[in-house]
Amino acid sequence: MNAPVSFPIPSAARQCRAHIAELAGVIGANAEIIERYAELGDDVGLEYQLRRLVLHVKAATATFRDLAAIENARRAESEAA
């Protein structure tokens, strides 16, 4: 019988940072596409990509708020100990 395989679960803070980093890559790609649409004069594509950019920035900001709450709780817990 094989022993169960153990996979370490990244901390919530690490997951938040990884998600923000992933979103930063998407935001960068959106910015490049926005630049191309602007140069081409494609206003429909420009508007679509701008909306996507805003949604990704909002998601990154919300994740950062989660990260800040996690870190504040961790600090409070370590100070109480």
PDB file of N, CA and C in Angstrom:
ATOM      1  N   MET A   1       0.843  -1.177   0.000  1.00  0.00           N
ATOM      2  CA  MET A   1       0.000   0.000   0.000  1.00  0.00           C
ATOM      3  C   MET A   1       0.892   1.245   0.000  1.00  0.00           C
ATOM      4  N   ASN A   2       0.577   2.168  -0.853  1.00  0.00           N
ATOM      5  CA  ASN A   2       1.365   3.390  -0.953  1.00  0.00           C
ATOM      6  C   ASN A   2       0.915   4.413   0.073  1.00  0.00           C
ATOM      7  N   ALA A   3       1.892   5.125   0.592  1.00  0.00           N
ATOM      8  CA  ALA A   3       1.567   6.209   1.527  1.00  0.00           C
ATOM      9  C   ALA A   3       0.935   7.348   0.747  1.00  0.00           C
ATOM     10  N   PRO A   4       0.005   8.076   1.356  1.00  0.00           N
ATOM     11  CA  PRO A   4      -0.605   9.207   0.649  1.00  0.00           C
ATOM     12  C   PRO A   4       0.448  10.251   0.315  1.00  0.00           C
ATOM     13  N   VAL A   5       0.297  10.827  -0.836  1.00  0.00           N
ATOM     14  CA  VAL A   5       1.219  11.858  -1.278  1.00  0.00           C
ATOM     15  C   VAL A   5       0.785  13.179  -0.665  1.00  0.00           C
ATOM     16  N   SER A   6       1.734  13.882  -0.116  1.00  0.00           N
ATOM     17  CA  SER A   6       1.431  15.161   0.521  1.00  0.00           C
ATOM     18  C   SER A   6       1.900  16.302  -0.367  1.00  0.00           C
ATOM     19  N   PHE A   7       0.999  17.186  -0.702  1.00  0.00           N
ATOM     20  CA  PHE A   7       1.325  18.371  -1.475  1.00  0.00           C
ATOM     21  C   PHE A   7       1.177  19.581  -0.572  1.00  0.00           C
ATOM     22  N   PRO A   8       2.230  20.369  -0.456  1.00  0.00           N
ATOM     23  CA  PRO A   8       2.094  21.560   0.384  1.00  0.00           C
ATOM     24  C   PRO A   8       1.110  22.546  -0.241  1.00  0.00           C
ATOM     25  N   ILE A   9       0.251  23.089   0.588  1.00  0.00           N
ATOM     26  CA  ILE A   9      -0.716  24.084   0.124  1.00  0.00           C
ATOM     27  C   ILE A   9      -0.104  25.452   0.373  1.00  0.00           C
ATOM     28  N   PRO A  10       0.033  26.255  -0.703  1.00  0.00           N
ATOM     29  CA  PRO A  10       0.610  27.581  -0.497  1.00  0.00           C
ATOM     30  C   PRO A  10      -0.250  28.408   0.449  1.00  0.00           C
ATOM     31  N   SER A  11       0.400  29.273   1.190  1.00  0.00           N
ATOM     32  CA  SER A  11      -0.345  30.124   2.108  1.00  0.00           C
ATOM     33  C   SER A  11      -1.278  31.044   1.319  1.00  0.00           C
ATOM     34  N   ALA A  12      -2.293  31.522   1.999  1.00  0.00           N
ATOM     35  CA  ALA A  12      -3.250  32.425   1.359  1.00  0.00           C
ATOM     36  C   ALA A  12      -2.550  33.679   0.848  1.00  0.00           C
ATOM     37  N   ALA A  13      -1.591  34.191   1.620  1.00  0.00           N
ATOM     38  CA  ALA A  13      -0.863  35.387   1.195  1.00  0.00           C
ATOM     39  C   ALA A  13      -0.079  35.099  -0.077  1.00  0.00           C
ATOM     40  N   ARG A  14       0.570  33.940  -0.133  1.00  0.00           N
ATOM     41  CA  ARG A  14       1.345  33.574  -1.325  1.00  0.00           C
ATOM     42  C   ARG A  14       0.422  33.415  -2.528  1.00  0.00           C
ATOM     43  N   GLN A  15      -0.757  32.838  -2.309  1.00  0.00           N
ATOM     44  CA  GLN A  15      -1.727  32.687  -3.396  1.00  0.00           C
ATOM     45  C   GLN A  15      -2.184  34.051  -3.909  1.00  0.00           C
ATOM     46  N   CYS A  16      -2.415  34.989  -2.992  1.00  0.00           N
ATOM     47  CA  CYS A  16      -2.817  36.342  -3.393  1.00  0.00           C
ATOM     48  C   CYS A  16      -1.726  36.994  -4.240  1.00  0.00           C
ATOM     49  N   ARG A  17      -0.481  36.880  -3.778  1.00  0.00           N
ATOM     50  CA  ARG A  17       0.628  37.484  -4.534  1.00  0.00           C
ATOM     51  C   ARG A  17       0.774  36.850  -5.912  1.00  0.00           C
ATOM     52  N   ALA A  18       0.616  35.536  -5.984  1.00  0.00           N
ATOM     53  CA  ALA A  18       0.705  34.847  -7.276  1.00  0.00           C
ATOM     54  C   ALA A  18      -0.416  35.301  -8.214  1.00  0.00           C
ATOM     55  N   HIS A  19      -1.600  35.471  -7.655  1.00  0.00           N
ATOM     56  CA  HIS A  19      -2.730  35.929  -8.472  1.00  0.00           C
ATOM     57  C   HIS A  19      -2.489  37.348  -8.982  1.00  0.00           C
ATOM     58  N   ILE A  20      -1.974  38.213  -8.134  1.00  0.00           N
ATOM     59  CA  ILE A  20      -1.671  39.581  -8.551  1.00  0.00           C
ATOM     60  C   ILE A  20      -0.605  39.570  -9.647  1.00  0.00           C
ATOM     61  N   ALA A  21       0.408  38.729  -9.490  1.00  0.00           N
ATOM     62  CA  ALA A  21       1.461  38.644 -10.510  1.00  0.00           C
ATOM     63  C   ALA A  21       0.890  38.163 -11.844  1.00  0.00           C
ATOM     64  N   GLU A  22      -0.002  37.191 -11.785  1.00  0.00           N
ATOM     65  CA  GLU A  22      -0.644  36.696 -13.002  1.00  0.00           C
ATOM     66  C   GLU A  22      -1.470  37.797 -13.659  1.00  0.00           C
ATOM     67  N   LEU A  23      -2.224  38.509 -12.847  1.00  0.00           N
ATOM     68  CA  LEU A  23      -3.032  39.607 -13.387  1.00  0.00           C
ATOM     69  C   LEU A  23      -2.154  40.708 -13.977  1.00  0.00           C
ATOM     70  N   ALA A  24      -1.000  40.954 -13.380  1.00  0.00           N
ATOM     71  CA  ALA A  24      -0.092  41.970 -13.915  1.00  0.00           C
ATOM     72  C   ALA A  24       0.346  41.608 -15.329  1.00  0.00           C
ATOM     73  N   GLY A  25       0.584  40.334 -15.570  1.00  0.00           N
ATOM     74  CA  GLY A  25       0.930  39.898 -16.918  1.00  0.00           C
ATOM     75  C   GLY A  25      -0.202  40.137 -17.904  1.00  0.00           C
ATOM     76  N   VAL A  26      -1.420  39.843 -17.472  1.00  0.00           N
ATOM     77  CA  VAL A  26      -2.593  40.061 -18.322  1.00  0.00           C
ATOM     78  C   VAL A  26      -2.788  41.558 -18.578  1.00  0.00           C
ATOM     79  N   ILE A  27      -2.584  42.363 -17.539  1.00  0.00           N
ATOM     80  CA  ILE A  27      -2.724  43.816 -17.675  1.00  0.00           C
ATOM     81  C   ILE A  27      -1.715  44.347 -18.681  1.00  0.00           C
ATOM     82  N   GLY A  28      -0.486  43.846 -18.615  1.00  0.00           N
ATOM     83  CA  GLY A  28       0.535  44.261 -19.574  1.00  0.00           C
ATOM     84  C   GLY A  28       0.155  43.899 -21.003  1.00  0.00           C
ATOM     85  N   ALA A  29      -0.371  42.694 -21.177  1.00  0.00           N
ATOM     86  CA  ALA A  29      -0.804  42.270 -22.511  1.00  0.00           C
ATOM     87  C   ALA A  29      -1.958  43.138 -22.995  1.00  0.00           C
ATOM     88  N   ASN A  30      -2.910  43.441 -22.089  1.00  0.00           N
ATOM     89  CA  ASN A  30      -4.024  44.331 -22.455  1.00  0.00           C
ATOM     90  C   ASN A  30      -3.505  45.687 -22.905  1.00  0.00           C
ATOM     91  N   ALA A  31      -2.517  46.217 -22.197  1.00  0.00           N
ATOM     92  CA  ALA A  31      -1.972  47.532 -22.546  1.00  0.00           C
ATOM     93  C   ALA A  31      -1.362  47.518 -23.948  1.00  0.00           C
ATOM     94  N   GLU A  32      -0.672  46.440 -24.287  1.00  0.00           N
ATOM     95  CA  GLU A  32      -0.088  46.343 -25.631  1.00  0.00           C
ATOM     96  C   GLU A  32      -1.168  46.280 -26.698  1.00  0.00           C
ATOM     97  N   ILE A  33      -2.223  45.523 -26.432  1.00  0.00           N
ATOM     98  CA  ILE A  33      -3.320  45.412 -27.393  1.00  0.00           C
ATOM     99  C   ILE A  33      -4.032  46.752 -27.526  1.00  0.00           C
ATOM    100  N   ILE A  34      -4.225  47.447 -26.409  1.00  0.00           N
ATOM    101  CA  ILE A  34      -4.856  48.766 -26.436  1.00  0.00           C
ATOM    102  C   ILE A  34      -4.041  49.706 -27.319  1.00  0.00           C
ATOM    103  N   GLU A  35      -2.733  49.667 -27.166  1.00  0.00           N
ATOM    104  CA  GLU A  35      -1.857  50.513 -27.982  1.00  0.00           C
ATOM    105  C   GLU A  35      -2.046  50.217 -29.468  1.00  0.00           C
ATOM    106  N   ARG A  36      -2.110  48.947 -29.817  1.00  0.00           N
ATOM    107  CA  ARG A  36      -2.292  48.572 -31.232  1.00  0.00           C
ATOM    108  C   ARG A  36      -3.639  49.029 -31.771  1.00  0.00           C
ATOM    109  N   TYR A  37      -4.697  48.801 -30.980  1.00  0.00           N
ATOM    110  CA  TYR A  37      -6.024  49.242 -31.439  1.00  0.00           C
ATOM    111  C   TYR A  37      -6.075  50.754 -31.605  1.00  0.00           C
ATOM    112  N   ALA A  38      -5.440  51.480 -30.716  1.00  0.00           N
ATOM    113  CA  ALA A  38      -5.411  52.944 -30.827  1.00  0.00           C
ATOM    114  C   ALA A  38      -4.679  53.365 -32.096  1.00  0.00           C
ATOM    115  N   GLU A  39      -3.554  52.723 -32.358  1.00  0.00           N
ATOM    116  CA  GLU A  39      -2.793  53.049 -33.574  1.00  0.00           C
ATOM    117  C   GLU A  39      -3.573  52.726 -34.836  1.00  0.00           C
ATOM    118  N   LEU A  40      -4.356  51.640 -34.809  1.00  0.00           N
ATOM    119  CA  LEU A  40      -5.139  51.228 -35.969  1.00  0.00           C
ATOM    120  C   LEU A  40      -6.429  52.030 -36.132  1.00  0.00           C
ATOM    121  N   GLY A  41      -6.824  52.738 -35.083  1.00  0.00           N
ATOM    122  CA  GLY A  41      -8.081  53.476 -35.123  1.00  0.00           C
ATOM    123  C   GLY A  41      -9.294  52.582 -34.935  1.00  0.00           C
ATOM    124  N   ASP A  42      -9.108  51.411 -34.330  1.00  0.00           N
ATOM    125  CA  ASP A  42     -10.198  50.463 -34.089  1.00  0.00           C
ATOM    126  C   ASP A  42     -10.837  50.800 -32.741  1.00  0.00           C
ATOM    127  N   ASP A  43     -11.854  51.666 -32.783  1.00  0.00           N
ATOM    128  CA  ASP A  43     -12.473  52.124 -31.540  1.00  0.00           C
ATOM    129  C   ASP A  43     -13.271  51.035 -30.830  1.00  0.00           C
ATOM    130  N   VAL A  44     -13.865  50.110 -31.576  1.00  0.00           N
ATOM    131  CA  VAL A  44     -14.617  49.020 -30.958  1.00  0.00           C
ATOM    132  C   VAL A  44     -13.657  48.120 -30.176  1.00  0.00           C
ATOM    133  N   GLY A  45     -12.570  47.727 -30.806  1.00  0.00           N
ATOM    134  CA  GLY A  45     -11.572  46.909 -30.124  1.00  0.00           C
ATOM    135  C   GLY A  45     -10.937  47.658 -28.972  1.00  0.00           C
ATOM    136  N   LEU A  46     -10.709  48.942 -29.158  1.00  0.00           N
ATOM    137  CA  LEU A  46     -10.118  49.777 -28.117  1.00  0.00           C
ATOM    138  C   LEU A  46     -11.006  49.812 -26.876  1.00  0.00           C
ATOM    139  N   GLU A  47     -12.289  50.036 -27.089  1.00  0.00           N
ATOM    140  CA  GLU A  47     -13.214  50.076 -25.953  1.00  0.00           C
ATOM    141  C   GLU A  47     -13.266  48.728 -25.241  1.00  0.00           C
ATOM    142  N   TYR A  48     -13.337  47.657 -26.006  1.00  0.00           N
ATOM    143  CA  TYR A  48     -13.404  46.311 -25.421  1.00  0.00           C
ATOM    144  C   TYR A  48     -12.176  46.042 -24.561  1.00  0.00           C
ATOM    145  N   GLN A  49     -10.993  46.325 -25.091  1.00  0.00           N
ATOM    146  CA  GLN A  49      -9.771  46.065 -24.346  1.00  0.00           C
ATOM    147  C   GLN A  49      -9.630  46.984 -23.128  1.00  0.00           C
ATOM    148  N   LEU A  50     -10.101  48.216 -23.243  1.00  0.00           N
ATOM    149  CA  LEU A  50     -10.076  49.118 -22.088  1.00  0.00           C
ATOM    150  C   LEU A  50     -10.961  48.578 -20.962  1.00  0.00           C
ATOM    151  N   ARG A  51     -12.123  48.048 -21.328  1.00  0.00           N
ATOM    152  CA  ARG A  51     -13.016  47.466 -20.320  1.00  0.00           C
ATOM    153  C   ARG A  51     -12.352  46.256 -19.646  1.00  0.00           C
ATOM    154  N   ARG A  52     -11.697  45.433 -20.443  1.00  0.00           N
ATOM    155  CA  ARG A  52     -10.990  44.274 -19.883  1.00  0.00           C
ATOM    156  C   ARG A  52      -9.863  44.727 -18.958  1.00  0.00           C
ATOM    157  N   LEU A  53      -9.138  45.750 -19.374  1.00  0.00           N
ATOM    158  CA  LEU A  53      -8.056  46.274 -18.556  1.00  0.00           C
ATOM    159  C   LEU A  53      -8.579  46.731 -17.196  1.00  0.00           C
ATOM    160  N   VAL A  54      -9.663  47.473 -17.207  1.00  0.00           N
ATOM    161  CA  VAL A  54     -10.247  47.974 -15.961  1.00  0.00           C
ATOM    162  C   VAL A  54     -10.678  46.811 -15.062  1.00  0.00           C
ATOM    163  N   LEU A  55     -11.291  45.786 -15.643  1.00  0.00           N
ATOM    164  CA  LEU A  55     -11.721  44.628 -14.850  1.00  0.00           C
ATOM    165  C   LEU A  55     -10.524  43.916 -14.215  1.00  0.00           C
ATOM    166  N   HIS A  56      -9.443  43.777 -14.959  1.00  0.00           N
ATOM    167  CA  HIS A  56      -8.261  43.121 -14.409  1.00  0.00           C
ATOM    168  C   HIS A  56      -7.610  43.969 -13.318  1.00  0.00           C
ATOM    169  N   VAL A  57      -7.576  45.273 -13.500  1.00  0.00           N
ATOM    170  CA  VAL A  57      -7.021  46.147 -12.457  1.00  0.00           C
ATOM    171  C   VAL A  57      -7.890  46.076 -11.200  1.00  0.00           C
ATOM    172  N   LYS A  58      -9.210  46.070 -11.363  1.00  0.00           N
ATOM    173  CA  LYS A  58     -10.105  45.947 -10.205  1.00  0.00           C
ATOM    174  C   LYS A  58      -9.895  44.618  -9.490  1.00  0.00           C
ATOM    175  N   ALA A  59      -9.702  43.544 -10.258  1.00  0.00           N
ATOM    176  CA  ALA A  59      -9.467  42.233  -9.647  1.00  0.00           C
ATOM    177  C   ALA A  59      -8.155  42.226  -8.869  1.00  0.00           C
ATOM    178  N   ALA A  60      -7.120  42.835  -9.439  1.00  0.00           N
ATOM    179  CA  ALA A  60      -5.828  42.899  -8.740  1.00  0.00           C
ATOM    180  C   ALA A  60      -5.947  43.728  -7.471  1.00  0.00           C
ATOM    181  N   THR A  61      -6.688  44.818  -7.534  1.00  0.00           N
ATOM    182  CA  THR A  61      -6.880  45.677  -6.364  1.00  0.00           C
ATOM    183  C   THR A  61      -7.650  44.936  -5.267  1.00  0.00           C
ATOM    184  N   ALA A  62      -8.679  44.210  -5.647  1.00  0.00           N
ATOM    185  CA  ALA A  62      -9.462  43.439  -4.670  1.00  0.00           C
ATOM    186  C   ALA A  62      -8.592  42.353  -4.031  1.00  0.00           C
ATOM    187  N   THR A  63      -7.765  41.718  -4.828  1.00  0.00           N
ATOM    188  CA  THR A  63      -6.879  40.687  -4.292  1.00  0.00           C
ATOM    189  C   THR A  63      -5.861  41.303  -3.346  1.00  0.00           C
ATOM    190  N   PHE A  64      -5.382  42.504  -3.676  1.00  0.00           N
ATOM    191  CA  PHE A  64      -4.447  43.167  -2.775  1.00  0.00           C
ATOM    192  C   PHE A  64      -5.122  43.502  -1.446  1.00  0.00           C
ATOM    193  N   ARG A  65      -6.380  43.922  -1.489  1.00  0.00           N
ATOM    194  CA  ARG A  65      -7.106  44.184  -0.237  1.00  0.00           C
ATOM    195  C   ARG A  65      -7.187  42.916   0.603  1.00  0.00           C
ATOM    196  N   ASP A  66      -7.443  41.780  -0.058  1.00  0.00           N
ATOM    197  CA  ASP A  66      -7.455  40.489   0.656  1.00  0.00           C
ATOM    198  C   ASP A  66      -6.092  40.209   1.271  1.00  0.00           C
ATOM    199  N   LEU A  67      -5.049  40.441   0.501  1.00  0.00           N
ATOM    200  CA  LEU A  67      -3.689  40.218   0.990  1.00  0.00           C
ATOM    201  C   LEU A  67      -3.398  41.098   2.203  1.00  0.00           C
ATOM    202  N   ALA A  68      -3.773  42.352   2.127  1.00  0.00           N
ATOM    203  CA  ALA A  68      -3.549  43.270   3.246  1.00  0.00           C
ATOM    204  C   ALA A  68      -4.293  42.792   4.493  1.00  0.00           C
ATOM    205  N   ALA A  69      -5.516  42.323   4.329  1.00  0.00           N
ATOM    206  CA  ALA A  69      -6.291  41.820   5.468  1.00  0.00           C
ATOM    207  C   ALA A  69      -5.624  40.587   6.070  1.00  0.00           C
ATOM    208  N   ILE A  70      -5.134  39.697   5.219  1.00  0.00           N
ATOM    209  CA  ILE A  70      -4.440  38.493   5.700  1.00  0.00           C
ATOM    210  C   ILE A  70      -3.194  38.881   6.478  1.00  0.00           C
ATOM    211  N   GLU A  71      -2.409  39.788   5.922  1.00  0.00           N
ATOM    212  CA  GLU A  71      -1.165  40.204   6.577  1.00  0.00           C
ATOM    213  C   GLU A  71      -1.447  40.958   7.881  1.00  0.00           C
ATOM    214  N   ASN A  72      -2.476  41.796   7.906  1.00  0.00           N
ATOM    215  CA  ASN A  72      -2.834  42.507   9.139  1.00  0.00           C
ATOM    216  C   ASN A  72      -3.275  41.524  10.225  1.00  0.00           C
ATOM    217  N   ALA A  73      -4.039  40.513   9.848  1.00  0.00           N
ATOM    218  CA  ALA A  73      -4.484  39.497  10.813  1.00  0.00           C
ATOM    219  C   ALA A  73      -3.288  38.699  11.326  1.00  0.00           C
ATOM    220  N   ARG A  74      -2.351  38.376  10.418  1.00  0.00           N
ATOM    221  CA  ARG A  74      -1.156  37.631  10.826  1.00  0.00           C
ATOM    222  C   ARG A  74      -0.321  38.442  11.808  1.00  0.00           C
ATOM    223  N   ARG A  75      -0.158  39.747  11.516  1.00  0.00           N
ATOM    224  CA  ARG A  75       0.615  40.619  12.427  1.00  0.00           C
ATOM    225  C   ARG A  75      -0.059  40.727  13.794  1.00  0.00           C
ATOM    226  N   ALA A  76      -1.375  40.909  13.789  1.00  0.00           N
ATOM    227  CA  ALA A  76      -2.113  41.023  15.051  1.00  0.00           C
ATOM    228  C   ALA A  76      -1.994  39.734  15.861  1.00  0.00           C
ATOM    229  N   GLU A  77      -2.051  38.601  15.179  1.00  0.00           N
ATOM    230  CA  GLU A  77      -1.941  37.315  15.861  1.00  0.00           C
ATOM    231  C   GLU A  77      -0.546  37.140  16.465  1.00  0.00           C
ATOM    232  N   SER A  78       0.491  37.531  15.727  1.00  0.00           N
ATOM    233  CA  SER A  78       1.857  37.365  16.249  1.00  0.00           C
ATOM    234  C   SER A  78       2.131  38.352  17.386  1.00  0.00           C
ATOM    235  N   GLU A  79       1.518  39.532  17.339  1.00  0.00           N
ATOM    236  CA  GLU A  79       1.694  40.501  18.433  1.00  0.00           C
ATOM    237  C   GLU A  79       0.954  40.046  19.692  1.00  0.00           C
ATOM    238  N   ALA A  80      -0.163  39.339  19.521  1.00  0.00           N
ATOM    239  CA  ALA A  80      -0.940  38.867  20.661  1.00  0.00           C
ATOM    240  C   ALA A  80      -0.254  37.686  21.349  1.00  0.00           C
ATOM    241  N   ALA A  81       0.586  36.988  20.607  1.00  0.00           N
ATOM    242  CA  ALA A  81       1.234  35.790  21.163  1.00  0.00           C
ATOM    243  C   ALA A  81       2.410  36.105  22.037  1.00  0.00           C
TER     244      ALA A  81
END
